[in-house]
């Protein structure tokens, strides 16, 4: 993972997914199998676009956008996230990142995951093939696809990747938790397992610039200390308090400065949304 400003778009995708480690609520687990999630929050055709800002001291700089898309591919969903810096920001630091996950439509278990990272001169290829039935994941990790090295890892039951986390844990029952309670989840990424601890803060009426004032669910994920985040960093996330459970505003520090992401547009939602009421 590259340092400093190289992490702006990558950090946001981590923010969105770590968030939806939406650990503030209990997923709609199937009664007979805790790894099967009943999908009630999204469907094929959904698209969410976020505008990302980078803050240095007191100046907020429009850095780029991240676009999330769901495609219905029969028995599976193809989940994609594309992060790109604005042309005006490219001279400062160019970002062109692509993430894709396929999940079983019935269980929402991840089947495959891949990401291509282009950030300045930094390049990264990361591919995972999940074998949930035997508790293994096949990993190909390197600078490029051609040079990626294969390794096999044992994985935790119900293991999730960086992107499937977001969609799996949008299927939640917010009333299962009280303010201050938390949920721990395991995510596998970069040949490592990451335990994530997230606290559900409260329901809050939040005014969001460009969108309006809405009833939201506020959560605070514990951040993974490393190149993007340092010890003591706190992230705040406000999620729509409706059946879609989409993040509206994310504010987070990174190793240098901080980032903010605001929902710019949405389409193809499965349920009516409070956003249409303003």
Protein backbone atom coordinates (compact mmCIF):
# COMPACT_ATOMS: atom_id res chain seq x y z
CA UNK A 1 0.00 0.00 0.00
CA UNK A 2 1.55 3.30 -1.03
CA UNK A 3 2.04 6.17 1.44
CA UNK A 4 0.70 9.69 1.75
CA UNK A 5 -1.52 11.15 -0.92
CA UNK A 6 -1.34 7.92 -2.85
CA UNK A 7 -3.90 6.57 -0.41
CA UNK A 8 -6.70 9.05 -1.03
CA UNK A 9 -8.91 7.01 -3.34
CA UNK A 10 -7.72 3.68 -1.93
CA UNK A 11 -8.43 4.90 1.59
CA UNK A 12 -11.95 5.82 0.59
CA UNK A 13 -12.68 2.38 -0.82
CA UNK A 14 -11.28 0.95 2.41
CA UNK A 15 -13.47 3.44 4.29
CA UNK A 16 -16.63 2.41 2.48
CA UNK A 17 -15.92 -1.27 2.87
CA UNK A 18 -14.54 -1.10 6.37
CA UNK A 19 -17.58 0.88 7.25
CA UNK A 20 -19.93 -1.55 5.93
CA UNK A 21 -18.11 -3.80 8.04
CA UNK A 22 -21.12 -2.02 8.98
CA UNK A 23 -20.43 -3.45 12.17
CA UNK A 24 -23.00 -1.41 13.83
CA UNK A 25 -25.68 -3.92 13.11
CA UNK A 26 -26.45 -7.59 12.85
CA UNK A 27 -26.64 -9.09 9.33
CA UNK A 28 -29.75 -11.03 8.33
CA UNK A 29 -28.10 -14.41 8.79
CA UNK A 30 -29.96 -17.51 7.68
CA UNK A 31 -31.30 -19.48 10.64
CA UNK A 32 -29.68 -22.78 9.63
CA UNK A 33 -26.34 -21.45 8.32
CA UNK A 34 -24.59 -18.38 9.80
CA UNK A 35 -22.61 -17.83 6.59
CA UNK A 36 -25.70 -17.41 4.43
CA UNK A 37 -26.98 -13.83 4.27
CA UNK A 38 -30.48 -12.96 3.10
CA UNK A 39 -30.14 -10.06 0.68
CA UNK A 40 -32.85 -7.45 1.26
CA UNK A 41 -30.96 -4.22 0.59
CA UNK A 42 -29.73 -4.15 -3.03
CA UNK A 43 -30.26 -5.60 -6.50
CA UNK A 44 -28.72 -5.59 -9.96
CA UNK A 45 -28.58 -2.16 -11.55
CA UNK A 46 -27.70 -0.23 -8.41
CA UNK A 47 -25.06 2.48 -8.81
CA UNK A 48 -23.62 4.77 -6.13
CA UNK A 49 -21.19 7.59 -6.91
CA UNK A 50 -19.15 9.44 -4.28
CA UNK A 51 -17.13 12.64 -4.54
CA UNK A 52 -13.89 12.42 -2.57
CA UNK A 53 -12.16 15.42 -0.99
CA UNK A 54 -8.64 15.60 0.40
CA UNK A 55 -7.89 18.00 3.24
CA UNK A 56 -4.51 19.56 3.82
CA UNK A 57 -4.58 21.92 6.84
CA UNK A 58 -7.74 23.99 6.22
CA UNK A 59 -8.15 23.48 2.48
CA UNK A 60 -10.56 20.83 1.08
CA UNK A 61 -9.44 19.77 -2.41
CA UNK A 62 -11.80 17.83 -4.76
CA UNK A 63 -9.62 14.78 -5.45
CA UNK A 64 -11.76 12.34 -7.41
CA UNK A 65 -14.74 10.00 -7.48
CA UNK A 66 -15.53 6.40 -6.60
CA UNK A 67 -18.31 4.59 -8.45
CA UNK A 68 -19.91 1.39 -7.08
CA UNK A 69 -22.02 -0.77 -9.40
CA UNK A 70 -23.99 -4.01 -9.05
CA UNK A 71 -24.56 -6.26 -12.09
CA UNK A 72 -26.87 -9.26 -12.10
CA UNK A 73 -25.03 -12.16 -13.77
CA UNK A 74 -27.53 -14.95 -13.27
CA UNK A 75 -26.44 -17.01 -10.27
CA UNK A 76 -23.98 -14.34 -9.10
CA UNK A 77 -23.71 -10.62 -8.59
CA UNK A 78 -20.71 -8.78 -10.02
CA UNK A 79 -19.80 -5.97 -7.63
CA UNK A 80 -17.46 -3.30 -8.99
CA UNK A 81 -15.78 -0.19 -7.60
CA UNK A 82 -13.79 2.24 -9.75
CA UNK A 83 -11.83 5.06 -8.17
CA UNK A 84 -10.39 7.81 -10.34
CA UNK A 85 -8.77 11.14 -9.57
CA UNK A 86 -10.06 14.27 -11.30
CA UNK A 87 -8.02 15.57 -14.22
CA UNK A 88 -7.30 18.71 -12.22
CA UNK A 89 -5.84 16.53 -9.45
CA UNK A 90 -3.79 14.25 -11.73
CA UNK A 91 -0.78 16.58 -11.74
CA UNK A 92 -0.70 16.32 -7.96
CA UNK A 93 -1.32 12.59 -7.86
CA UNK A 94 -3.04 10.38 -10.45
CA UNK A 95 -5.24 7.51 -9.26
CA UNK A 96 -6.93 4.83 -11.39
CA UNK A 97 -8.12 1.88 -9.27
CA UNK A 98 -10.44 -1.02 -10.12
CA UNK A 99 -12.03 -3.50 -7.70
CA UNK A 100 -14.37 -6.38 -8.58
CA UNK A 101 -15.97 -9.18 -6.59
CA UNK A 102 -18.36 -11.95 -7.57
CA UNK A 103 -20.70 -13.21 -4.86
CA UNK A 104 -23.17 -16.06 -4.84
CA UNK A 105 -26.60 -14.51 -5.25
CA UNK A 106 -28.27 -16.85 -2.76
CA UNK A 107 -25.71 -16.67 0.06
CA UNK A 108 -23.70 -13.49 -0.72
CA UNK A 109 -20.53 -15.51 -0.10
CA UNK A 110 -17.57 -14.10 -2.09
CA UNK A 111 -16.34 -16.35 -4.89
CA UNK A 112 -13.64 -14.23 -6.50
CA UNK A 113 -12.02 -10.85 -5.85
CA UNK A 114 -9.57 -8.80 -7.92
CA UNK A 115 -8.08 -5.32 -7.77
CA UNK A 116 -5.81 -3.38 -10.08
CA UNK A 117 -4.14 -0.36 -8.48
CA UNK A 118 -2.52 2.53 -10.37
CA UNK A 119 -1.53 5.35 -8.05
CA UNK A 120 1.29 7.60 -9.24
CA UNK A 121 4.13 5.20 -10.02
CA UNK A 122 2.72 2.54 -7.72
CA UNK A 123 1.17 -0.63 -9.19
CA UNK A 124 -0.61 -3.48 -7.45
CA UNK A 125 -2.43 -6.64 -8.53
CA UNK A 126 -4.35 -8.70 -6.01
CA UNK A 127 -6.62 -11.65 -6.82
CA UNK A 128 -8.46 -14.05 -4.53
CA UNK A 129 -10.36 -17.24 -5.26
CA UNK A 130 -12.42 -18.42 -2.30
CA UNK A 131 -12.95 -22.10 -1.54
CA UNK A 132 -15.30 -21.61 1.38
CA UNK A 133 -16.33 -25.28 1.52
CA UNK A 134 -12.79 -26.32 2.47
CA UNK A 135 -11.74 -23.15 4.32
CA UNK A 136 -9.12 -22.02 1.80
CA UNK A 137 -8.38 -19.03 -0.41
CA UNK A 138 -6.06 -18.99 -3.41
CA UNK A 139 -4.17 -15.69 -3.52
CA UNK A 140 -2.23 -14.11 -6.40
CA UNK A 141 -0.43 -10.98 -5.28
CA UNK A 142 2.17 -8.82 -6.96
CA UNK A 143 3.01 -5.68 -8.88
CA UNK A 144 1.28 -6.97 -12.02
CA UNK A 145 -0.84 -9.96 -12.98
CA UNK A 146 2.11 -11.45 -14.86
CA UNK A 147 4.43 -11.24 -11.85
CA UNK A 148 1.89 -12.10 -9.14
CA UNK A 149 2.92 -14.94 -6.83
CA UNK A 150 0.52 -17.68 -5.79
CA UNK A 151 -0.06 -18.58 -2.15
CA UNK A 152 -2.72 -20.61 -0.39
CA UNK A 153 -4.19 -19.54 2.95
CA UNK A 154 -6.61 -20.96 5.44
CA UNK A 155 -9.56 -18.62 5.99
CA UNK A 156 -12.05 -18.04 8.75
CA UNK A 157 -15.62 -19.24 8.46
CA UNK A 158 -17.70 -16.65 6.58
CA UNK A 159 -14.56 -14.78 5.44
CA UNK A 160 -15.16 -11.62 3.41
CA UNK A 161 -13.05 -9.58 1.02
CA UNK A 162 -12.70 -5.82 0.86
CA UNK A 163 -15.66 -5.23 -1.45
CA UNK A 164 -18.11 -8.00 -0.55
CA UNK A 165 -18.09 -6.70 3.03
CA UNK A 166 -19.93 -3.62 1.91
CA UNK A 167 -22.81 -5.41 0.28
CA UNK A 168 -23.06 -8.28 2.73
CA UNK A 169 -23.38 -6.06 5.77
CA UNK A 170 -25.81 -3.65 4.23
CA UNK A 171 -28.32 -6.37 5.00
CA UNK A 172 -28.74 -5.46 8.61
CA UNK A 173 -31.11 -5.18 11.52
CA UNK A 174 -30.20 -1.96 13.26
CA UNK A 175 -32.51 -2.69 16.16
CA UNK A 176 -30.34 -5.64 17.17
CA UNK A 177 -27.78 -3.31 18.77
CA UNK A 178 -27.83 -0.50 21.32
CA UNK A 179 -25.66 2.65 21.04
CA UNK A 180 -22.14 1.81 22.16
CA UNK A 181 -22.35 -1.86 21.24
CA UNK A 182 -20.11 -3.37 18.60
CA UNK A 183 -19.56 -6.26 16.21
CA UNK A 184 -16.27 -7.90 15.21
CA UNK A 185 -15.75 -9.12 11.65
CA UNK A 186 -12.83 -10.74 9.82
CA UNK A 187 -11.75 -9.44 6.40
CA UNK A 188 -9.07 -11.09 4.22
CA UNK A 189 -6.94 -8.74 2.09
CA UNK A 190 -3.25 -8.46 1.06
CA UNK A 191 -2.52 -12.00 2.23
CA UNK A 192 -3.62 -11.17 5.76
CA UNK A 193 -6.71 -11.44 7.96
CA UNK A 194 -7.93 -8.23 9.55
CA UNK A 195 -10.23 -8.29 12.58
CA UNK A 196 -12.39 -5.15 12.44
CA UNK A 197 -14.08 -3.70 15.52
CA UNK A 198 -16.91 -1.24 14.84
CA UNK A 199 -19.10 0.67 17.28
CA UNK A 200 -22.68 1.75 16.57
CA UNK A 201 -22.89 5.28 17.94
CA UNK A 202 -26.45 6.51 17.54
CA UNK A 203 -29.27 7.56 15.29
CA UNK A 204 -28.64 11.16 14.30
CA UNK A 205 -30.40 13.80 12.24
CA UNK A 206 -27.53 14.92 10.03
CA UNK A 207 -27.30 17.78 7.54
CA UNK A 208 -25.16 16.75 4.58
CA UNK A 209 -23.94 19.37 2.14
CA UNK A 210 -25.55 19.00 -1.26
CA UNK A 211 -28.05 16.41 -0.07
CA UNK A 212 -30.05 17.87 2.80
CA UNK A 213 -30.90 16.81 6.35
CA UNK A 214 -31.70 13.16 7.00
CA UNK A 215 -32.16 10.54 9.69
CA UNK A 216 -28.91 8.59 9.74
CA UNK A 217 -27.10 5.81 11.57
CA UNK A 218 -23.73 6.98 12.86
CA UNK A 219 -20.92 4.48 13.28
CA UNK A 220 -17.22 4.54 14.19
CA UNK A 221 -15.01 1.74 12.85
CA UNK A 222 -11.73 0.94 14.54
CA UNK A 223 -9.11 1.64 11.88
CA UNK A 224 -6.36 -0.77 10.88
CA UNK A 225 -3.05 0.90 11.78
CA UNK A 226 -0.62 0.97 8.86
CA UNK A 227 0.31 3.10 5.86
CA UNK A 228 -3.14 4.66 5.56
CA UNK A 229 -4.18 5.08 9.20
CA UNK A 230 -2.22 5.72 12.42
CA UNK A 231 -3.00 4.79 16.00
CA UNK A 232 -5.75 6.92 17.50
CA UNK A 233 -7.37 7.84 14.17
CA UNK A 234 -11.17 7.94 14.28
CA UNK A 235 -13.53 7.58 11.34
CA UNK A 236 -17.11 8.84 11.34
CA UNK A 237 -19.72 7.45 8.96
CA UNK A 238 -23.36 8.44 8.49
CA UNK A 239 -25.61 5.86 6.79
CA UNK A 240 -29.14 6.29 5.47
CA UNK A 241 -31.65 5.07 8.05
CA UNK A 242 -33.79 3.23 5.52
CA UNK A 243 -33.91 -0.21 3.92
CA UNK A 244 -31.11 0.60 1.46
CA UNK A 245 -28.49 1.34 4.16
CA UNK A 246 -26.20 3.41 1.94
CA UNK A 247 -23.37 5.60 3.30
CA UNK A 248 -24.10 9.30 2.83
CA UNK A 249 -21.04 10.92 4.38
CA UNK A 250 -17.67 9.56 5.51
CA UNK A 251 -15.00 11.57 7.31
CA UNK A 252 -11.63 10.05 8.11
CA UNK A 253 -8.00 10.92 8.80
CA UNK A 254 -5.24 9.27 6.76
CA UNK A 255 -1.48 9.25 7.22
CA UNK A 256 -1.17 12.77 5.81
CA UNK A 257 -4.23 15.03 6.17
CA UNK A 258 -7.75 13.66 6.01
CA UNK A 259 -10.41 12.64 3.49
CA UNK A 260 -14.11 13.19 3.16
CA UNK A 261 -16.51 11.40 0.83
CA UNK A 262 -20.03 12.58 0.05
CA UNK A 263 -22.70 10.73 -1.92
CA UNK A 264 -22.96 12.49 -5.27
CA UNK A 265 -25.59 10.41 -7.08
CA UNK A 266 -27.50 7.16 -6.86
CA UNK A 267 -29.68 5.03 -9.13
CA UNK A 268 -31.24 1.59 -9.29
CA UNK A 269 -31.93 1.33 -5.55
CA UNK A 270 -33.98 -1.65 -4.46
CA UNK A 271 -36.22 0.35 -2.10
CA UNK A 272 -37.66 3.87 -1.98
CA UNK A 273 -35.18 6.15 -0.23
CA UNK A 274 -35.49 9.08 2.13
CA UNK A 275 -33.19 10.96 -0.27
CA UNK A 276 -36.13 11.39 -2.65
CA UNK A 277 -38.14 13.21 -0.02
CA UNK A 278 -36.12 16.46 -0.19
